[in-house]
Amino acid sequence: MDSTVSKSRIGNTFERLQAAGRKALVTFTTAGDPDYATSLEIVKGLPKAGADIIELGMPFSDPMADGPAIQRSSQRALRSGQTLRKTLDMVRSFRETDSETPIILMGYYNPIYVFPVDAFLDEAVAAGVDGLIVVDVPPEADDELCLPALKAGLSFIRLTAPTTTEHRLEAVLANTSGFVYYVSITGVTGTRSPDFGAVERKVAGIKSRTPLPVVVGFGVRTPEQAKGIAAVSDGAVVGSVLVDAIAQSLDDAQRPTSLTIRAVLDLVERLSSGMKAA
């Protein structure tokens, strides 16, 4: 796949949404949760349900920045046999029918490091990945992954938080591309609700320092929260609530049921409706 196509998807999506007066709904699910086939069907159904950008979690045994729900989703995916190579295969399968929706791989450095890095970046571009969020590679280690990813044609998206100082923000933004991910709460994913007023102030501060879109995640669980975040940013990320919907649909043996795929896609449709109402 031509990397020039990959490089343009994120920017094209935000330009299209801005022209339509809309904000981005960014969805997160873990690749391979609860199994490869079900996960792939969920991912394929997300754009029609209303997702504008797809974050696909790379399962890892020690997801330290994630709350219990996403930790369990990683465990389910790993038990089902998901690997980083299968995650790339999933993106490749998605691209057979969707050449426009951006896909961001989100996770931790260890699986990429052992892949190793150069081979991973080559295969990610070839599969149709648009960007990476790797939460445990700081700006001081940009030579490790960020700069090689940018050279390969992948966006490298960084997180900033309520505790990020002005000095630290400068380092975070230096090589960030695609968009900036603002973490609306302190702590791990899925544990608290955002303060819209505080988020608005922080997002305004970030946007004064970069032309990149700013999307907000951690704690967005309802259509009302999605609407509130959309009003003060360029988009909202929803993750833990979707992972919870998968978990709650499984049978006693943690296998998917006839409700699993629909439970996630129906929820995305409701969240998307909330975003459009903003």
C-alpha atoms as a PDB file:
ATOM      1  CA  MET A   1       0.000   0.000   0.000  1.00  0.00           C
ATOM      2  CA  ASP A   2       1.295   3.440  -0.913  1.00  0.00           C
ATOM      3  CA  SER A   3       2.367   5.218   2.268  1.00  0.00           C
ATOM      4  CA  THR A   4       1.211   8.560   0.836  1.00  0.00           C
ATOM      5  CA  VAL A   5      -2.341   7.242   1.090  1.00  0.00           C
ATOM      6  CA  SER A   6      -1.740   6.256   4.713  1.00  0.00           C
ATOM      7  CA  LYS A   7      -0.266   9.633   5.631  1.00  0.00           C
ATOM      8  CA  SER A   8      -3.289  11.554   4.407  1.00  0.00           C
ATOM      9  CA  ARG A   9      -6.147   9.663   6.060  1.00  0.00           C
ATOM     10  CA  ILE A  10      -5.999  11.338   9.487  1.00  0.00           C
ATOM     11  CA  GLY A  11      -5.705  14.844   8.063  1.00  0.00           C
ATOM     12  CA  ASN A  12      -8.384  14.170   5.467  1.00  0.00           C
ATOM     13  CA  THR A  13     -10.759  12.932   8.163  1.00  0.00           C
ATOM     14  CA  PHE A  14     -10.388  16.044  10.320  1.00  0.00           C
ATOM     15  CA  GLU A  15     -10.728  18.313   7.281  1.00  0.00           C
ATOM     16  CA  ARG A  16     -13.906  16.519   6.213  1.00  0.00           C
ATOM     17  CA  LEU A  17     -15.393  16.714   9.708  1.00  0.00           C
ATOM     18  CA  GLN A  18     -14.511  20.389  10.061  1.00  0.00           C
ATOM     19  CA  ALA A  19     -16.192  21.162   6.741  1.00  0.00           C
ATOM     20  CA  ALA A  20     -19.299  19.347   7.989  1.00  0.00           C
ATOM     21  CA  GLY A  21     -19.255  21.131  11.341  1.00  0.00           C
ATOM     22  CA  ARG A  22     -18.666  17.881  13.208  1.00  0.00           C
ATOM     23  CA  LYS A  23     -16.170  16.502  15.689  1.00  0.00           C
ATOM     24  CA  ALA A  24     -14.363  13.155  15.529  1.00  0.00           C
ATOM     25  CA  LEU A  25     -15.596  10.062  17.324  1.00  0.00           C
ATOM     26  CA  VAL A  26     -12.516   7.944  18.003  1.00  0.00           C
ATOM     27  CA  THR A  27     -13.212   4.392  19.183  1.00  0.00           C
ATOM     28  CA  PHE A  28     -10.880   2.023  21.007  1.00  0.00           C
ATOM     29  CA  THR A  29     -11.178  -1.743  21.160  1.00  0.00           C
ATOM     30  CA  THR A  30      -8.489  -4.328  21.802  1.00  0.00           C
ATOM     31  CA  ALA A  31      -7.489  -6.402  18.789  1.00  0.00           C
ATOM     32  CA  GLY A  32      -8.490 -10.017  19.311  1.00  0.00           C
ATOM     33  CA  ASP A  33     -11.004  -9.372  22.099  1.00  0.00           C
ATOM     34  CA  PRO A  34     -12.735 -11.718  22.690  1.00  0.00           C
ATOM     35  CA  ASP A  35     -11.341 -13.591  19.670  1.00  0.00           C
ATOM     36  CA  TYR A  36      -9.915 -12.703  16.266  1.00  0.00           C
ATOM     37  CA  ALA A  37     -13.044 -13.278  14.172  1.00  0.00           C
ATOM     38  CA  THR A  38     -15.390 -11.366  16.473  1.00  0.00           C
ATOM     39  CA  SER A  39     -12.925  -8.524  16.921  1.00  0.00           C
ATOM     40  CA  LEU A  40     -12.489  -8.171  13.160  1.00  0.00           C
ATOM     41  CA  GLU A  41     -16.255  -8.011  12.603  1.00  0.00           C
ATOM     42  CA  ILE A  42     -16.558  -5.318  15.259  1.00  0.00           C
ATOM     43  CA  VAL A  43     -13.771  -3.267  13.681  1.00  0.00           C
ATOM     44  CA  LYS A  44     -15.288  -3.633  10.208  1.00  0.00           C
ATOM     45  CA  GLY A  45     -18.644  -2.422  11.542  1.00  0.00           C
ATOM     46  CA  LEU A  46     -17.328   0.634  13.396  1.00  0.00           C
ATOM     47  CA  PRO A  47     -17.268   3.165  10.525  1.00  0.00           C
ATOM     48  CA  LYS A  48     -20.888   2.513   9.549  1.00  0.00           C
ATOM     49  CA  ALA A  49     -21.879   2.777  13.219  1.00  0.00           C
ATOM     50  CA  GLY A  50     -20.314   6.236  13.377  1.00  0.00           C
ATOM     51  CA  ALA A  51     -16.627   5.872  14.249  1.00  0.00           C
ATOM     52  CA  ASP A  52     -14.459   8.398  12.415  1.00  0.00           C
ATOM     53  CA  ILE A  53     -11.082   7.082  13.589  1.00  0.00           C
ATOM     54  CA  ILE A  54     -10.340   3.614  14.928  1.00  0.00           C
ATOM     55  CA  GLU A  55      -7.834   2.969  17.694  1.00  0.00           C
ATOM     56  CA  LEU A  56      -6.904  -0.694  17.842  1.00  0.00           C
ATOM     57  CA  GLY A  57      -5.211  -1.871  21.003  1.00  0.00           C
ATOM     58  CA  MET A  58      -2.155  -4.100  20.687  1.00  0.00           C
ATOM     59  CA  PRO A  59      -2.673  -6.686  23.464  1.00  0.00           C
ATOM     60  CA  PHE A  60       0.082  -6.730  26.073  1.00  0.00           C
ATOM     61  CA  SER A  61       0.536  -8.685  29.281  1.00  0.00           C
ATOM     62  CA  ASP A  62       1.305  -5.614  31.411  1.00  0.00           C
ATOM     63  CA  PRO A  63      -0.853  -2.679  30.235  1.00  0.00           C
ATOM     64  CA  MET A  64       0.159  -0.352  33.076  1.00  0.00           C
ATOM     65  CA  ALA A  65      -1.673   2.798  31.900  1.00  0.00           C
ATOM     66  CA  ASP A  66      -4.986   0.992  31.467  1.00  0.00           C
ATOM     67  CA  GLY A  67      -7.745   0.377  33.942  1.00  0.00           C
ATOM     68  CA  PRO A  68      -9.219  -3.018  34.854  1.00  0.00           C
ATOM     69  CA  ALA A  69     -11.604  -3.219  31.871  1.00  0.00           C
ATOM     70  CA  ILE A  70      -8.921  -2.789  29.218  1.00  0.00           C
ATOM     71  CA  GLN A  71      -6.477  -4.933  31.178  1.00  0.00           C
ATOM     72  CA  ARG A  72      -9.023  -7.756  31.079  1.00  0.00           C
ATOM     73  CA  SER A  73      -9.595  -7.204  27.369  1.00  0.00           C
ATOM     74  CA  SER A  74      -5.872  -7.673  26.759  1.00  0.00           C
ATOM     75  CA  GLN A  75      -5.947 -10.864  28.795  1.00  0.00           C
ATOM     76  CA  ARG A  76      -8.902 -12.210  26.814  1.00  0.00           C
ATOM     77  CA  ALA A  77      -7.189 -11.367  23.526  1.00  0.00           C
ATOM     78  CA  LEU A  78      -3.914 -12.989  24.528  1.00  0.00           C
ATOM     79  CA  ARG A  79      -5.736 -16.119  25.730  1.00  0.00           C
ATOM     80  CA  SER A  80      -7.471 -16.338  22.368  1.00  0.00           C
ATOM     81  CA  GLY A  81      -4.080 -16.342  20.624  1.00  0.00           C
ATOM     82  CA  GLN A  82      -3.848 -12.734  19.474  1.00  0.00           C
ATOM     83  CA  THR A  83      -0.364 -11.557  18.508  1.00  0.00           C
ATOM     84  CA  LEU A  84       1.014  -8.362  17.058  1.00  0.00           C
ATOM     85  CA  ARG A  85       1.298 -10.057  13.672  1.00  0.00           C
ATOM     86  CA  LYS A  86      -2.382 -11.039  13.857  1.00  0.00           C
ATOM     87  CA  THR A  87      -3.215  -7.436  14.729  1.00  0.00           C
ATOM     88  CA  LEU A  88      -1.477  -6.303  11.550  1.00  0.00           C
ATOM     89  CA  ASP A  89      -3.382  -9.016   9.665  1.00  0.00           C
ATOM     90  CA  MET A  90      -6.596  -7.558  11.086  1.00  0.00           C
ATOM     91  CA  VAL A  91      -5.746  -4.119   9.716  1.00  0.00           C
ATOM     92  CA  ARG A  92      -4.922  -5.686   6.356  1.00  0.00           C
ATOM     93  CA  SER A  93      -8.308  -7.437   6.283  1.00  0.00           C
ATOM     94  CA  PHE A  94     -10.074  -4.200   7.223  1.00  0.00           C
ATOM     95  CA  ARG A  95      -8.359  -2.374   4.373  1.00  0.00           C
ATOM     96  CA  GLU A  96      -9.834  -4.834   1.845  1.00  0.00           C
ATOM     97  CA  THR A  97     -13.169  -3.038   2.203  1.00  0.00           C
ATOM     98  CA  ASP A  98     -12.270   0.349   3.756  1.00  0.00           C
ATOM     99  CA  SER A  99      -9.527   2.544   2.348  1.00  0.00           C
ATOM    100  CA  GLU A 100     -10.546   5.781   4.103  1.00  0.00           C
ATOM    101  CA  THR A 101     -11.044   5.282   7.855  1.00  0.00           C
ATOM    102  CA  PRO A 102      -7.814   5.973   9.775  1.00  0.00           C
ATOM    103  CA  ILE A 103      -6.508   3.194  12.006  1.00  0.00           C
ATOM    104  CA  ILE A 104      -4.214   3.953  14.937  1.00  0.00           C
ATOM    105  CA  LEU A 105      -2.433   1.157  16.780  1.00  0.00           C
ATOM    106  CA  MET A 106      -2.254   1.880  20.504  1.00  0.00           C
ATOM    107  CA  GLY A 107      -0.256   0.084  23.134  1.00  0.00           C
ATOM    108  CA  TYR A 108       3.171  -0.482  24.600  1.00  0.00           C
ATOM    109  CA  TYR A 109       6.685  -0.647  23.234  1.00  0.00           C
ATOM    110  CA  ASN A 110       7.715  -4.159  24.249  1.00  0.00           C
ATOM    111  CA  PRO A 111       5.825  -6.091  21.517  1.00  0.00           C
ATOM    112  CA  ILE A 112       7.146  -3.651  18.883  1.00  0.00           C
ATOM    113  CA  TYR A 113      10.714  -3.851  20.213  1.00  0.00           C
ATOM    114  CA  VAL A 114      10.805  -7.641  19.968  1.00  0.00           C
ATOM    115  CA  PHE A 115       9.125  -7.663  16.531  1.00  0.00           C
ATOM    116  CA  PRO A 116      11.598  -5.747  15.913  1.00  0.00           C
ATOM    117  CA  VAL A 117      11.031  -2.025  15.198  1.00  0.00           C
ATOM    118  CA  ASP A 118      12.087  -1.752  11.533  1.00  0.00           C
ATOM    119  CA  ALA A 119      10.140  -4.842  10.481  1.00  0.00           C
ATOM    120  CA  PHE A 120       7.100  -3.705  12.445  1.00  0.00           C
ATOM    121  CA  LEU A 121       7.067  -0.275  10.822  1.00  0.00           C
ATOM    122  CA  ASP A 122       7.422  -1.748   7.337  1.00  0.00           C
ATOM    123  CA  GLU A 123       4.578  -4.208   7.937  1.00  0.00           C
ATOM    124  CA  ALA A 124       2.370  -1.611   9.620  1.00  0.00           C
ATOM    125  CA  VAL A 125       2.624   0.724   6.625  1.00  0.00           C
ATOM    126  CA  ALA A 126       2.032  -2.151   4.211  1.00  0.00           C
ATOM    127  CA  ALA A 127      -1.028  -3.291   6.191  1.00  0.00           C
ATOM    128  CA  GLY A 128      -2.608   0.174   6.121  1.00  0.00           C
ATOM    129  CA  VAL A 129      -1.901   1.523   9.608  1.00  0.00           C
ATOM    130  CA  ASP A 130      -1.981   5.333   9.831  1.00  0.00           C
ATOM    131  CA  GLY A 131      -0.433   6.086  13.194  1.00  0.00           C
ATOM    132  CA  LEU A 132       0.849   4.865  16.535  1.00  0.00           C
ATOM    133  CA  ILE A 133       0.155   5.703  20.161  1.00  0.00           C
ATOM    134  CA  VAL A 134       2.831   4.041  22.290  1.00  0.00           C
ATOM    135  CA  VAL A 135       2.336   5.230  25.820  1.00  0.00           C
ATOM    136  CA  ASP A 136       5.623   4.138  27.384  1.00  0.00           C
ATOM    137  CA  VAL A 137       8.035   5.736  24.893  1.00  0.00           C
ATOM    138  CA  PRO A 138       8.742   9.292  26.126  1.00  0.00           C
ATOM    139  CA  PRO A 139      10.049  12.159  23.972  1.00  0.00           C
ATOM    140  CA  GLU A 140      13.539  11.562  25.336  1.00  0.00           C
ATOM    141  CA  ALA A 141      13.522   8.250  23.435  1.00  0.00           C
ATOM    142  CA  ASP A 142      12.228   9.602  20.103  1.00  0.00           C
ATOM    143  CA  ASP A 143      15.114   7.929  18.279  1.00  0.00           C
ATOM    144  CA  GLU A 144      13.789   4.541  19.406  1.00  0.00           C
ATOM    145  CA  LEU A 145      10.421   4.629  17.654  1.00  0.00           C
ATOM    146  CA  CYS A 146       8.916   8.073  17.052  1.00  0.00           C
ATOM    147  CA  LEU A 147      11.379   9.360  14.467  1.00  0.00           C
ATOM    148  CA  PRO A 148      11.628   6.041  12.591  1.00  0.00           C
ATOM    149  CA  ALA A 149       7.807   5.892  12.512  1.00  0.00           C
ATOM    150  CA  LEU A 150       7.571   9.404  11.097  1.00  0.00           C
ATOM    151  CA  LYS A 151      10.197   8.559   8.484  1.00  0.00           C
ATOM    152  CA  ALA A 152       8.172   5.482   7.497  1.00  0.00           C
ATOM    153  CA  GLY A 153       5.069   7.632   6.961  1.00  0.00           C
ATOM    154  CA  LEU A 154       3.201   6.896  10.193  1.00  0.00           C
ATOM    155  CA  SER A 155       1.822   9.564  12.497  1.00  0.00           C
ATOM    156  CA  PHE A 156       3.138   9.404  16.052  1.00  0.00           C
ATOM    157  CA  ILE A 157       0.457  10.602  18.428  1.00  0.00           C
ATOM    158  CA  ARG A 158       1.375  11.652  21.933  1.00  0.00           C
ATOM    159  CA  LEU A 159      -0.649  11.942  25.111  1.00  0.00           C
ATOM    160  CA  THR A 160      -0.748  15.010  27.310  1.00  0.00           C
ATOM    161  CA  ALA A 161      -2.487  15.196  30.680  1.00  0.00           C
ATOM    162  CA  PRO A 162      -3.779  17.638  33.310  1.00  0.00           C
ATOM    163  CA  THR A 163      -0.416  17.319  35.069  1.00  0.00           C
ATOM    164  CA  THR A 164       1.659  18.163  31.963  1.00  0.00           C
ATOM    165  CA  THR A 165       3.680  21.337  32.570  1.00  0.00           C
ATOM    166  CA  GLU A 166       4.285  24.003  29.922  1.00  0.00           C
ATOM    167  CA  HIS A 167       7.912  22.907  29.634  1.00  0.00           C
ATOM    168  CA  ARG A 168       6.925  19.264  29.251  1.00  0.00           C
ATOM    169  CA  LEU A 169       4.222  20.118  26.708  1.00  0.00           C
ATOM    170  CA  GLU A 170       6.880  21.638  24.461  1.00  0.00           C
ATOM    171  CA  ALA A 171       8.759  18.324  24.432  1.00  0.00           C
ATOM    172  CA  VAL A 172       5.576  16.310  23.919  1.00  0.00           C
ATOM    173  CA  LEU A 173       4.495  18.381  20.922  1.00  0.00           C
ATOM    174  CA  ALA A 174       7.915  18.504  19.253  1.00  0.00           C
ATOM    175  CA  ASN A 175       7.474  15.388  17.101  1.00  0.00           C
ATOM    176  CA  THR A 176       3.764  14.703  17.549  1.00  0.00           C
ATOM    177  CA  SER A 177       1.757  14.332  14.340  1.00  0.00           C
ATOM    178  CA  GLY A 178      -1.790  13.410  13.309  1.00  0.00           C
ATOM    179  CA  PHE A 179      -3.465  14.774  16.432  1.00  0.00           C
ATOM    180  CA  VAL A 180      -2.808  15.353  20.109  1.00  0.00           C
ATOM    181  CA  TYR A 181      -4.518  13.040  22.601  1.00  0.00           C
ATOM    182  CA  TYR A 182      -5.466  14.908  25.769  1.00  0.00           C
ATOM    183  CA  VAL A 183      -6.058  12.661  28.774  1.00  0.00           C
ATOM    184  CA  SER A 184      -8.923  14.336  30.580  1.00  0.00           C
ATOM    185  CA  ILE A 185      -8.311  12.781  34.001  1.00  0.00           C
ATOM    186  CA  THR A 186      -5.396  11.682  36.113  1.00  0.00           C
ATOM    187  CA  GLY A 187      -5.081   7.943  36.738  1.00  0.00           C
ATOM    188  CA  VAL A 188      -5.853   4.968  34.532  1.00  0.00           C
ATOM    189  CA  THR A 189      -8.484   4.519  31.825  1.00  0.00           C
ATOM    190  CA  GLY A 190     -12.158   4.111  32.573  1.00  0.00           C
ATOM    191  CA  THR A 191     -12.154   5.113  36.243  1.00  0.00           C
ATOM    192  CA  ARG A 192     -13.459   8.697  36.480  1.00  0.00           C
ATOM    193  CA  SER A 193     -15.507  11.301  34.599  1.00  0.00           C
ATOM    194  CA  PRO A 194     -14.060  14.428  32.950  1.00  0.00           C
ATOM    195  CA  ASP A 195     -14.614  18.003  34.134  1.00  0.00           C
ATOM    196  CA  PHE A 196     -15.712  19.786  30.943  1.00  0.00           C
ATOM    197  CA  GLY A 197     -14.663  23.242  32.115  1.00  0.00           C
ATOM    198  CA  ALA A 198     -11.167  22.057  33.029  1.00  0.00           C
ATOM    199  CA  VAL A 199     -10.923  20.154  29.752  1.00  0.00           C
ATOM    200  CA  GLU A 200     -11.913  23.250  27.752  1.00  0.00           C
ATOM    201  CA  ARG A 201      -9.195  25.328  29.396  1.00  0.00           C
ATOM    202  CA  LYS A 202      -6.514  22.682  28.846  1.00  0.00           C
ATOM    203  CA  VAL A 203      -7.514  22.044  25.232  1.00  0.00           C
ATOM    204  CA  ALA A 204      -7.394  25.782  24.501  1.00  0.00           C
ATOM    205  CA  GLY A 205      -3.901  25.923  25.971  1.00  0.00           C
ATOM    206  CA  ILE A 206      -2.709  23.020  23.819  1.00  0.00           C
ATOM    207  CA  LYS A 207      -4.286  24.454  20.668  1.00  0.00           C
ATOM    208  CA  SER A 208      -2.461  27.733  21.263  1.00  0.00           C
ATOM    209  CA  ARG A 209       0.774  25.770  20.920  1.00  0.00           C
ATOM    210  CA  THR A 210       0.045  23.504  17.937  1.00  0.00           C
ATOM    211  CA  PRO A 211      -2.068  23.506  14.755  1.00  0.00           C
ATOM    212  CA  LEU A 212      -2.883  19.831  15.284  1.00  0.00           C
ATOM    213  CA  PRO A 213      -6.396  18.707  16.257  1.00  0.00           C
ATOM    214  CA  VAL A 214      -6.835  17.848  19.933  1.00  0.00           C
ATOM    215  CA  VAL A 215      -9.013  14.897  20.896  1.00  0.00           C
ATOM    216  CA  VAL A 216      -9.961  14.000  24.444  1.00  0.00           C
ATOM    217  CA  GLY A 217     -10.144  10.576  26.041  1.00  0.00           C
ATOM    218  CA  PHE A 218     -10.206   8.683  29.350  1.00  0.00           C
ATOM    219  CA  GLY A 219     -13.574   8.811  31.121  1.00  0.00           C
ATOM    220  CA  VAL A 220     -15.910   9.333  28.137  1.00  0.00           C
ATOM    221  CA  ARG A 221     -18.652   6.741  28.563  1.00  0.00           C
ATOM    222  CA  THR A 222     -22.032   8.240  27.644  1.00  0.00           C
ATOM    223  CA  PRO A 223     -23.556  10.145  24.702  1.00  0.00           C
ATOM    224  CA  GLU A 224     -23.915  13.152  27.016  1.00  0.00           C
ATOM    225  CA  GLN A 225     -20.220  13.064  27.934  1.00  0.00           C
ATOM    226  CA  ALA A 226     -19.260  12.625  24.284  1.00  0.00           C
ATOM    227  CA  LYS A 227     -21.381  15.651  23.424  1.00  0.00           C
ATOM    228  CA  GLY A 228     -19.776  17.689  26.199  1.00  0.00           C
ATOM    229  CA  ILE A 229     -16.254  16.772  25.101  1.00  0.00           C
ATOM    230  CA  ALA A 230     -17.100  17.473  21.441  1.00  0.00           C
ATOM    231  CA  ALA A 231     -18.174  20.989  22.392  1.00  0.00           C
ATOM    232  CA  VAL A 232     -14.709  21.854  23.749  1.00  0.00           C
ATOM    233  CA  SER A 233     -12.319  19.839  21.526  1.00  0.00           C
ATOM    234  CA  ASP A 234     -11.857  18.334  18.071  1.00  0.00           C
ATOM    235  CA  GLY A 235     -13.091  14.906  19.095  1.00  0.00           C
ATOM    236  CA  ALA A 236     -13.734  12.346  21.817  1.00  0.00           C
ATOM    237  CA  VAL A 237     -12.137   8.948  22.394  1.00  0.00           C
ATOM    238  CA  VAL A 238     -14.310   6.186  23.819  1.00  0.00           C
ATOM    239  CA  GLY A 239     -12.722   2.937  24.900  1.00  0.00           C
ATOM    240  CA  SER A 240     -13.459   1.414  28.279  1.00  0.00           C
ATOM    241  CA  VAL A 241     -17.225   1.567  27.775  1.00  0.00           C
ATOM    242  CA  LEU A 242     -16.901  -0.363  24.481  1.00  0.00           C
ATOM    243  CA  VAL A 243     -14.636  -2.932  26.092  1.00  0.00           C
ATOM    244  CA  ASP A 244     -17.180  -3.251  28.912  1.00  0.00           C
ATOM    245  CA  ALA A 245     -19.926  -3.871  26.347  1.00  0.00           C
ATOM    246  CA  ILE A 246     -17.893  -6.761  24.931  1.00  0.00           C
ATOM    247  CA  ALA A 247     -17.252  -8.219  28.389  1.00  0.00           C
ATOM    248  CA  GLN A 248     -20.898  -8.000  29.427  1.00  0.00           C
ATOM    249  CA  SER A 249     -22.036  -9.821  26.270  1.00  0.00           C
ATOM    250  CA  LEU A 250     -19.849 -12.898  26.752  1.00  0.00           C
ATOM    251  CA  ASP A 251     -21.044 -16.250  28.046  1.00  0.00           C
ATOM    252  CA  ASP A 252     -19.823 -17.850  31.273  1.00  0.00           C
ATOM    253  CA  ALA A 253     -16.800 -19.285  29.455  1.00  0.00           C
ATOM    254  CA  GLN A 254     -15.873 -15.785  28.175  1.00  0.00           C
ATOM    255  CA  ARG A 255     -16.820 -16.682  24.628  1.00  0.00           C
ATOM    256  CA  PRO A 256     -18.710 -14.332  22.284  1.00  0.00           C
ATOM    257  CA  THR A 257     -22.464 -14.641  21.959  1.00  0.00           C
ATOM    258  CA  SER A 258     -24.928 -13.500  19.326  1.00  0.00           C
ATOM    259  CA  LEU A 259     -25.135 -10.203  21.251  1.00  0.00           C
ATOM    260  CA  THR A 260     -21.430  -9.307  21.262  1.00  0.00           C
ATOM    261  CA  ILE A 261     -20.940  -7.505  17.962  1.00  0.00           C
ATOM    262  CA  ARG A 262     -24.265  -5.704  18.080  1.00  0.00           C
ATOM    263  CA  ALA A 263     -23.730  -4.553  21.671  1.00  0.00           C
ATOM    264  CA  VAL A 264     -20.628  -2.619  20.657  1.00  0.00           C
ATOM    265  CA  LEU A 265     -21.936  -1.221  17.380  1.00  0.00           C
ATOM    266  CA  ASP A 266     -25.255  -0.103  18.894  1.00  0.00           C
ATOM    267  CA  LEU A 267     -23.355   1.756  21.593  1.00  0.00           C
ATOM    268  CA  VAL A 268     -21.126   3.456  19.001  1.00  0.00           C
ATOM    269  CA  GLU A 269     -24.252   4.544  17.125  1.00  0.00           C
ATOM    270  CA  ARG A 270     -25.625   6.165  20.296  1.00  0.00           C
ATOM    271  CA  LEU A 271     -22.305   7.870  21.048  1.00  0.00           C
ATOM    272  CA  SER A 272     -22.075   9.115  17.462  1.00  0.00           C
ATOM    273  CA  SER A 273     -25.575  10.560  17.709  1.00  0.00           C
ATOM    274  CA  GLY A 274     -24.502  12.428  20.830  1.00  0.00           C
ATOM    275  CA  MET A 275     -21.473  13.821  19.015  1.00  0.00           C
ATOM    276  CA  LYS A 276     -23.562  15.000  16.066  1.00  0.00           C
ATOM    277  CA  ALA A 277     -25.968  16.695  18.453  1.00  0.00           C
ATOM    278  CA  ALA A 278     -23.060  18.847  19.618  1.00  0.00           C
END
